[in-house]
């Protein structure tokens, strides 16, 4: 049997004190916890988690970390609530102090006070991870609609407040991993580069980069996207660097190659909306300088027609001439090959979805790698959690029932 390994709990930067207090949870989950605690509820429940589509599961390790670190209760709740309110106030004061150059002593004093409050909250928290029985599939597993992906068994007041958090983790990570896997399948072995950093809140980057890697991408854009895997961000230049060189792509690319000689150099060649001419200019100068040009990237705006097509309208045919299209890619490939630059690869980016990549592959468009971004962060795949057993007896809302899954493994 294959040995499967989960990411260790310390991988994740989890705000445990806020999650324990229900700060990230729907209020009714926190109120459920308080009611059950007051009743000293003593019946064990089985919580069953699923979603409703074919998907690549992701986020289980992170969800399990939340359950293990944040399940439990306060030994003295009212004392803990007051300390937590002070903890939030101090955190706000630290943010204000960090913005003032003259407030370093205040910043240090407040930071020490925050650490003290965290220590006191930790002493008041009674962890319940050893009283929970968590069984789960693994990140990267294919799941079917309604298939049980994870179960939690224990006293409900120990983990009721965590439902918003672990369901949100599973939904986000699974959405990204599934979207990426669709694109990777469409690409049929052509590498996919995950360029989704600018399309969502920066705090999503770490988990999104991990989910994208689970889905099969070859590279991620930022260092933090690769943190859980120990990867570094990949990429060469933005349009902004070319603008700083007065629109001279050759100069910007040379500057990059000389500054980072060990990084494969990919020139962004659409700045002047003439990918063929720019690609040839860059390749020729690199050859004369004895430098290695790994590839060129085409990122033409979807409402623009590249100069190589505009000058030759007969090439358009039935193809849509705007953006990065098959005609443009073939024009660049043909020009590079004719000028003895067969080793220079082509990266295509800008609006690429699984459907667009499938179309490119069907028409044998010579792309060596695809950069994908915003399309990978869209879609659904919400997870649902239901109590289905209470003290081992069926107790689910109408339309739901216990669905044991032999694939689940103890976490």
Protein backbone atom coordinates (compact mmCIF):
# COMPACT_ATOMS: atom_id res chain seq x y z
CA UNK A 1 0.00 0.00 0.00
CA UNK A 2 1.25 3.50 -0.90
CA UNK A 3 2.31 5.62 2.07
CA UNK A 4 0.61 9.02 1.99
CA UNK A 5 2.07 11.97 3.85
CA UNK A 6 0.24 15.07 5.07
CA UNK A 7 1.70 18.53 5.48
CA UNK A 8 2.63 18.98 9.16
CA UNK A 9 0.57 21.32 11.31
CA UNK A 10 3.43 23.83 11.64
CA UNK A 11 3.26 24.43 7.87
CA UNK A 12 0.24 26.67 8.32
CA UNK A 13 0.16 30.20 9.74
CA UNK A 14 -3.14 29.82 11.58
CA UNK A 15 -4.49 32.68 13.76
CA UNK A 16 -5.41 30.23 16.49
CA UNK A 17 -6.65 32.70 19.10
CA UNK A 18 -9.08 34.35 16.69
CA UNK A 19 -10.35 31.04 15.37
CA UNK A 20 -10.76 29.57 18.86
CA UNK A 21 -12.85 32.58 19.88
CA UNK A 22 -15.08 32.26 16.80
CA UNK A 23 -13.83 35.51 15.27
CA UNK A 24 -13.87 33.97 11.77
CA UNK A 25 -17.05 31.96 12.30
CA UNK A 26 -20.69 32.63 11.54
CA UNK A 27 -22.21 33.81 14.83
CA UNK A 28 -24.70 30.97 15.00
CA UNK A 29 -21.89 28.41 15.13
CA UNK A 30 -20.37 30.23 18.11
CA UNK A 31 -23.79 30.42 19.80
CA UNK A 32 -24.30 26.70 19.19
CA UNK A 33 -21.00 26.04 20.97
CA UNK A 34 -21.98 28.19 23.96
CA UNK A 35 -25.39 26.56 24.31
CA UNK A 36 -23.92 23.06 24.23
CA UNK A 37 -21.19 24.00 26.70
CA UNK A 38 -23.76 25.40 29.15
CA UNK A 39 -25.77 22.20 28.87
CA UNK A 40 -22.64 20.09 29.42
CA UNK A 41 -23.71 18.16 26.32
CA UNK A 42 -22.33 14.61 26.53
CA UNK A 43 -23.40 12.88 23.31
CA UNK A 44 -20.87 12.27 20.57
CA UNK A 45 -21.77 13.26 17.01
CA UNK A 46 -20.39 12.40 13.60
CA UNK A 47 -20.01 15.38 11.26
CA UNK A 48 -19.84 14.44 7.56
CA UNK A 49 -18.37 16.78 4.93
CA UNK A 50 -18.99 16.58 1.17
CA UNK A 51 -19.50 18.61 -2.00
CA UNK A 52 -21.54 18.13 -5.16
CA UNK A 53 -19.25 17.86 -8.18
CA UNK A 54 -16.35 15.90 -9.60
CA UNK A 55 -13.31 17.64 -8.19
CA UNK A 56 -9.68 17.44 -7.12
CA UNK A 57 -9.79 17.65 -3.34
CA UNK A 58 -7.48 20.11 -1.63
CA UNK A 59 -7.28 21.80 1.76
CA UNK A 60 -7.64 18.69 3.92
CA UNK A 61 -4.27 19.10 5.64
CA UNK A 62 -5.01 22.73 6.45
CA UNK A 63 -8.53 21.92 7.67
CA UNK A 64 -7.17 19.13 9.88
CA UNK A 65 -4.59 21.55 11.32
CA UNK A 66 -7.39 23.98 12.24
CA UNK A 67 -9.40 21.18 13.86
CA UNK A 68 -6.46 19.94 15.89
CA UNK A 69 -5.18 23.36 17.00
CA UNK A 70 -8.49 25.12 17.57
CA UNK A 71 -10.90 22.49 18.89
CA UNK A 72 -11.61 22.71 22.60
CA UNK A 73 -12.99 25.18 25.12
CA UNK A 74 -12.02 27.89 27.61
CA UNK A 75 -11.69 26.74 31.21
CA UNK A 76 -12.85 30.20 32.36
CA UNK A 77 -14.88 31.61 29.45
CA UNK A 78 -15.73 35.06 30.79
CA UNK A 79 -12.11 35.70 31.72
CA UNK A 80 -11.00 34.52 28.27
CA UNK A 81 -13.53 36.73 26.48
CA UNK A 82 -12.25 39.83 28.27
CA UNK A 83 -8.65 38.93 27.50
CA UNK A 84 -9.52 38.36 23.86
CA UNK A 85 -11.19 41.77 23.56
CA UNK A 86 -8.03 43.32 25.00
CA UNK A 87 -5.96 41.22 22.58
CA UNK A 88 -7.88 42.65 19.60
CA UNK A 89 -7.52 46.19 20.93
CA UNK A 90 -3.76 45.76 21.42
CA UNK A 91 -3.43 44.32 17.90
CA UNK A 92 -5.10 47.43 16.50
CA UNK A 93 -2.80 49.69 18.51
CA UNK A 94 0.24 47.81 17.21
CA UNK A 95 -0.88 48.41 13.63
CA UNK A 96 -1.25 52.13 14.36
CA UNK A 97 2.16 52.31 16.08
CA UNK A 98 3.88 50.54 13.19
CA UNK A 99 2.93 53.44 10.90
CA UNK A 100 4.66 56.08 13.01
CA UNK A 101 8.43 56.43 12.83
CA UNK A 102 8.56 57.96 16.33
CA UNK A 103 6.63 55.17 18.07
CA UNK A 104 9.18 52.33 18.21
CA UNK A 105 9.11 52.17 22.05
CA UNK A 106 5.30 51.95 21.97
CA UNK A 107 5.48 49.30 19.29
CA UNK A 108 7.84 47.16 21.39
CA UNK A 109 5.78 47.65 24.57
CA UNK A 110 2.52 46.74 22.82
CA UNK A 111 4.07 43.74 21.09
CA UNK A 112 5.29 42.38 24.44
CA UNK A 113 1.83 42.92 25.88
CA UNK A 114 0.29 41.04 22.97
CA UNK A 115 2.61 38.09 23.58
CA UNK A 116 1.61 38.12 27.25
CA UNK A 117 -2.09 38.08 26.33
CA UNK A 118 -1.51 35.22 23.90
CA UNK A 119 0.18 33.24 26.66
CA UNK A 120 -2.72 33.85 29.05
CA UNK A 121 -5.28 32.84 26.42
CA UNK A 122 -3.27 29.70 25.70
CA UNK A 123 -3.32 28.74 29.39
CA UNK A 124 -7.10 29.18 29.51
CA UNK A 125 -7.71 27.02 26.42
CA UNK A 126 -8.36 23.31 26.95
CA UNK A 127 -7.41 21.52 23.73
CA UNK A 128 -9.67 18.69 22.60
CA UNK A 129 -7.79 17.27 19.62
CA UNK A 130 -7.20 13.98 21.43
CA UNK A 131 -10.95 13.67 21.95
CA UNK A 132 -11.76 14.01 18.25
CA UNK A 133 -11.65 11.26 15.67
CA UNK A 134 -10.88 12.84 12.28
CA UNK A 135 -10.89 10.76 9.09
CA UNK A 136 -10.15 12.28 5.72
CA UNK A 137 -9.18 11.78 2.13
CA UNK A 138 -5.91 13.34 0.97
CA UNK A 139 -5.11 16.48 -0.96
CA UNK A 140 -4.99 15.57 -4.63
CA UNK A 141 -7.63 12.82 -4.40
CA UNK A 142 -10.33 12.83 -7.04
CA UNK A 143 -13.76 13.04 -5.41
CA UNK A 144 -17.19 12.37 -6.83
CA UNK A 145 -20.40 14.33 -6.17
CA UNK A 146 -21.74 13.69 -2.65
CA UNK A 147 -18.71 11.58 -1.71
CA UNK A 148 -17.73 11.95 1.93
CA UNK A 149 -14.39 13.76 2.00
CA UNK A 150 -13.88 14.15 5.75
CA UNK A 151 -15.60 13.18 9.00
CA UNK A 152 -15.24 14.54 12.53
CA UNK A 153 -16.43 12.55 15.54
CA UNK A 154 -16.57 13.92 19.05
CA UNK A 155 -18.46 16.26 21.34
CA UNK A 156 -19.95 18.96 19.08
CA UNK A 157 -19.17 21.84 21.46
CA UNK A 158 -15.47 21.13 20.93
CA UNK A 159 -15.56 21.94 17.20
CA UNK A 160 -18.90 23.57 16.33
CA UNK A 161 -17.26 26.99 16.06
CA UNK A 162 -14.85 25.78 13.37
CA UNK A 163 -17.37 24.94 10.64
CA UNK A 164 -17.07 28.24 8.75
CA UNK A 165 -13.30 27.96 8.75
CA UNK A 166 -12.71 24.38 7.60
CA UNK A 167 -15.49 24.48 5.00
CA UNK A 168 -14.07 27.72 3.57
CA UNK A 169 -10.59 26.21 3.39
CA UNK A 170 -11.84 23.12 1.55
CA UNK A 171 -13.98 25.15 -0.85
CA UNK A 172 -11.23 27.57 -1.88
CA UNK A 173 -8.41 25.07 -2.17
CA UNK A 174 -10.54 22.49 -4.02
CA UNK A 175 -11.84 25.11 -6.47
CA UNK A 176 -8.31 26.20 -7.42
CA UNK A 177 -6.91 22.66 -7.59
CA UNK A 178 -9.84 21.51 -9.74
CA UNK A 179 -9.61 24.48 -12.12
CA UNK A 180 -5.87 23.95 -12.50
CA UNK A 181 -6.28 20.22 -13.09
CA UNK A 182 -8.73 20.95 -15.95
CA UNK A 183 -6.23 23.29 -17.58
CA UNK A 184 -3.36 20.85 -17.08
CA UNK A 185 -5.41 18.07 -18.68
CA UNK A 186 -6.27 20.31 -21.63
CA UNK A 187 -2.59 21.19 -22.10
CA UNK A 188 -1.67 17.51 -22.60
CA UNK A 189 1.79 17.81 -21.10
CA UNK A 190 2.56 21.41 -22.04
CA UNK A 191 3.62 23.16 -18.79
CA UNK A 192 1.15 25.47 -17.05
CA UNK A 193 2.50 28.49 -15.14
CA UNK A 194 0.33 29.82 -12.30
CA UNK A 195 0.16 33.61 -12.74
CA UNK A 196 -2.82 34.32 -10.48
CA UNK A 197 -1.13 36.63 -7.98
CA UNK A 198 -2.80 39.86 -9.11
CA UNK A 199 -6.36 38.60 -9.33
CA UNK A 200 -7.24 38.16 -5.68
CA UNK A 201 -6.33 39.26 -2.16
CA UNK A 202 -2.67 38.71 -1.38
CA UNK A 203 -3.42 36.61 1.70
CA UNK A 204 -4.88 33.93 -0.59
CA UNK A 205 -1.59 33.44 -2.42
CA UNK A 206 -0.01 30.86 -0.12
CA UNK A 207 -2.88 28.41 -0.18
CA UNK A 208 -3.71 29.09 -3.83
CA UNK A 209 -0.14 28.34 -4.86
CA UNK A 210 -0.23 25.07 -2.94
CA UNK A 211 -3.61 24.13 -4.46
CA UNK A 212 -2.32 24.98 -7.94
CA UNK A 213 0.66 22.70 -7.40
CA UNK A 214 -1.70 19.93 -6.28
CA UNK A 215 -3.59 20.56 -9.54
CA UNK A 216 -0.41 20.13 -11.58
CA UNK A 217 1.19 23.51 -12.40
CA UNK A 218 4.91 23.61 -13.16
CA UNK A 219 5.65 27.00 -11.60
CA UNK A 220 4.08 29.70 -9.44
CA UNK A 221 4.48 33.47 -9.63
CA UNK A 222 5.44 34.47 -6.09
CA UNK A 223 7.68 33.06 -3.38
CA UNK A 224 4.84 32.76 -0.90
CA UNK A 225 2.82 30.66 -3.36
CA UNK A 226 5.54 28.05 -3.08
CA UNK A 227 6.20 28.36 0.66
CA UNK A 228 4.43 25.15 1.71
CA UNK A 229 6.37 23.21 -0.94
CA UNK A 230 9.70 24.98 -0.55
CA UNK A 231 9.49 26.47 -4.06
CA UNK A 232 10.45 29.95 -5.26
CA UNK A 233 8.45 32.17 -7.56
CA UNK A 234 9.29 32.06 -11.27
CA UNK A 235 9.10 34.74 -13.96
CA UNK A 236 11.14 37.35 -15.76
CA UNK A 237 9.73 40.78 -16.49
CA UNK A 238 6.51 42.80 -16.43
CA UNK A 239 5.48 45.40 -18.99
CA UNK A 240 6.41 48.01 -16.38
CA UNK A 241 10.12 47.16 -16.70
CA UNK A 242 9.95 47.64 -20.47
CA UNK A 243 8.21 50.99 -19.96
CA UNK A 244 11.09 52.03 -17.69
CA UNK A 245 13.42 51.33 -20.64
CA UNK A 246 11.40 53.65 -22.86
CA UNK A 247 9.51 50.77 -24.48
CA UNK A 248 12.79 49.15 -25.61
CA UNK A 249 12.16 45.46 -24.98
CA UNK A 250 15.67 44.46 -26.04
CA UNK A 251 17.24 46.71 -23.42
CA UNK A 252 14.92 45.50 -20.65
CA UNK A 253 15.54 41.86 -21.53
CA UNK A 254 19.31 42.34 -21.62
CA UNK A 255 19.19 44.04 -18.23
CA UNK A 256 17.30 41.10 -16.82
CA UNK A 257 19.65 38.52 -18.34
CA UNK A 258 22.72 40.28 -16.96
CA UNK A 259 21.22 40.78 -13.49
CA UNK A 260 19.90 37.20 -13.25
CA UNK A 261 22.18 35.06 -15.41
CA UNK A 262 21.06 31.80 -13.78
CA UNK A 263 17.33 32.37 -14.39
CA UNK A 264 15.90 31.19 -17.74
CA UNK A 265 15.26 34.42 -19.65
CA UNK A 266 11.83 34.89 -21.22
CA UNK A 267 11.29 38.16 -23.08
CA UNK A 268 7.85 39.77 -23.02
CA UNK A 269 7.48 40.81 -26.67
CA UNK A 270 4.04 42.44 -27.08
CA UNK A 271 4.81 45.90 -25.63
CA UNK A 272 4.90 47.56 -29.09
CA UNK A 273 2.14 45.25 -30.37
CA UNK A 274 4.48 43.63 -32.88
CA UNK A 275 5.46 40.29 -31.41
CA UNK A 276 7.25 39.00 -34.51
CA UNK A 277 9.57 41.97 -34.95
CA UNK A 278 10.25 42.32 -31.24
CA UNK A 279 10.96 38.61 -30.81
CA UNK A 280 13.41 38.70 -33.72
CA UNK A 281 15.12 41.82 -32.38
CA UNK A 282 15.62 40.29 -28.94
CA UNK A 283 16.79 36.94 -30.32
CA UNK A 284 19.28 38.58 -32.67
CA UNK A 285 20.84 40.75 -29.97
CA UNK A 286 21.07 37.83 -27.54
CA UNK A 287 22.80 35.76 -30.21
CA UNK A 288 25.28 38.55 -30.92
CA UNK A 289 25.95 38.98 -27.17
CA UNK A 290 26.45 35.24 -26.68
CA UNK A 291 23.54 35.08 -24.26
CA UNK A 292 20.89 32.40 -23.93
CA UNK A 293 17.28 33.44 -24.64
CA UNK A 294 15.04 30.71 -23.23
CA UNK A 295 11.86 32.01 -24.78
CA UNK A 296 9.49 34.82 -25.66
CA UNK A 297 6.11 35.46 -24.06
CA UNK A 298 3.09 36.66 -26.02
CA UNK A 299 0.56 38.59 -23.92
CA UNK A 300 -1.30 40.70 -26.49
CA UNK A 301 -4.40 42.44 -25.16
CA UNK A 302 -7.64 40.73 -26.13
CA UNK A 303 -8.89 43.87 -27.92
CA UNK A 304 -5.71 44.38 -29.98
CA UNK A 305 -4.61 42.93 -33.32
CA UNK A 306 -0.88 42.30 -33.44
CA UNK A 307 1.05 44.13 -36.17
CA UNK A 308 2.12 40.89 -37.88
CA UNK A 309 -1.54 40.07 -38.48
CA UNK A 310 -2.70 43.60 -39.20
CA UNK A 311 -0.08 43.92 -41.95
CA UNK A 312 -1.27 40.67 -43.52
CA UNK A 313 -5.09 40.60 -43.31
CA UNK A 314 -5.22 37.61 -45.66
CA UNK A 315 -3.85 35.52 -42.80
CA UNK A 316 -6.88 36.11 -40.63
CA UNK A 317 -9.29 33.68 -42.26
CA UNK A 318 -11.97 32.55 -39.82
CA UNK A 319 -9.81 33.08 -36.75
CA UNK A 320 -10.55 35.87 -34.34
CA UNK A 321 -7.54 38.17 -34.94
CA UNK A 322 -7.35 39.82 -31.51
CA UNK A 323 -5.31 38.82 -28.48
CA UNK A 324 -2.99 35.83 -28.39
CA UNK A 325 -4.45 33.64 -31.12
CA UNK A 326 -3.19 30.70 -33.21
CA UNK A 327 -2.21 32.91 -36.16
CA UNK A 328 -0.03 35.12 -33.98
CA UNK A 329 1.73 32.20 -32.31
CA UNK A 330 2.40 30.53 -35.66
CA UNK A 331 3.70 33.81 -37.09
CA UNK A 332 6.20 34.13 -34.25
CA UNK A 333 7.26 30.49 -34.47
CA UNK A 334 7.76 30.68 -38.24
CA UNK A 335 9.78 33.89 -37.99
CA UNK A 336 12.03 32.53 -35.24
CA UNK A 337 12.63 29.29 -37.13
CA UNK A 338 13.45 31.06 -40.40
CA UNK A 339 16.04 33.15 -38.60
CA UNK A 340 17.77 30.16 -36.98
CA UNK A 341 16.21 30.66 -33.52
CA UNK A 342 14.55 27.24 -33.36
CA UNK A 343 15.64 26.81 -29.74
CA UNK A 344 13.71 29.89 -28.54
CA UNK A 345 10.47 28.74 -26.94
CA UNK A 346 7.06 30.42 -26.92
CA UNK A 347 5.02 31.12 -23.79
CA UNK A 348 1.42 32.25 -24.30
CA UNK A 349 -0.57 34.13 -21.67
CA UNK A 350 -3.64 36.34 -21.39
CA UNK A 351 -7.14 34.91 -20.95
CA UNK A 352 -6.23 31.24 -21.27
CA UNK A 353 -8.87 28.82 -20.05
CA UNK A 354 -9.13 25.05 -20.39
CA UNK A 355 -11.35 25.54 -23.43
CA UNK A 356 -8.94 27.91 -25.14
CA UNK A 357 -6.00 25.61 -24.48
CA UNK A 358 -7.99 22.65 -25.84
CA UNK A 359 -8.61 24.65 -29.00
CA UNK A 360 -4.90 25.47 -29.33
CA UNK A 361 -3.93 21.83 -28.85
CA UNK A 362 -6.53 20.65 -31.35
CA UNK A 363 -5.09 23.03 -33.93
CA UNK A 364 -1.48 22.12 -33.10
CA UNK A 365 -0.53 25.67 -32.14
CA UNK A 366 3.20 25.60 -31.19
CA UNK A 367 3.07 26.82 -27.59
CA UNK A 368 5.74 25.56 -25.18
CA UNK A 369 4.10 26.79 -21.97
CA UNK A 370 0.89 28.56 -20.94
CA UNK A 371 0.59 31.27 -18.32
CA UNK A 372 -2.82 31.15 -16.64
CA UNK A 373 -4.29 33.49 -14.06
CA UNK A 374 -7.77 34.82 -13.38
CA UNK A 375 -9.66 31.89 -14.91
CA UNK A 376 -8.20 29.58 -12.26
CA UNK A 377 -9.78 31.56 -9.40
CA UNK A 378 -13.37 31.42 -10.63
CA UNK A 379 -16.06 28.86 -10.02
CA UNK A 380 -17.89 27.00 -7.28
CA UNK A 381 -17.65 23.80 -5.35
CA UNK A 382 -18.96 24.67 -1.90
CA UNK A 383 -18.63 22.07 0.83
CA UNK A 384 -21.38 21.14 3.28
CA UNK A 385 -21.12 19.69 6.78
CA UNK A 386 -23.94 17.69 8.38
CA UNK A 387 -24.29 15.89 11.67
CA UNK A 388 -25.49 12.46 10.54
CA UNK A 389 -24.99 10.34 13.68
CA UNK A 390 -25.56 11.09 17.37
CA UNK A 391 -24.20 8.47 19.74
CA UNK A 392 -23.90 6.18 16.74
CA UNK A 393 -27.57 6.48 15.75
CA UNK A 394 -28.87 8.17 12.56
CA UNK A 395 -29.68 11.82 13.15
CA UNK A 396 -29.50 13.86 9.93
CA UNK A 397 -31.79 16.41 8.45
CA UNK A 398 -34.23 15.13 5.85
CA UNK A 399 -32.46 14.39 2.58
CA UNK A 400 -29.10 13.67 4.21
CA UNK A 401 -27.77 10.43 5.63
CA UNK A 402 -24.59 8.78 6.79
CA UNK A 403 -22.42 7.82 3.81
CA UNK A 404 -19.35 5.92 5.04
CA UNK A 405 -16.37 6.08 2.73
CA UNK A 406 -13.79 3.27 2.91
CA UNK A 407 -11.19 5.60 1.33
CA UNK A 408 -11.03 7.83 4.42
CA UNK A 409 -7.86 7.63 6.50
CA UNK A 410 -7.35 8.52 10.15
CA UNK A 411 -5.76 11.97 10.37
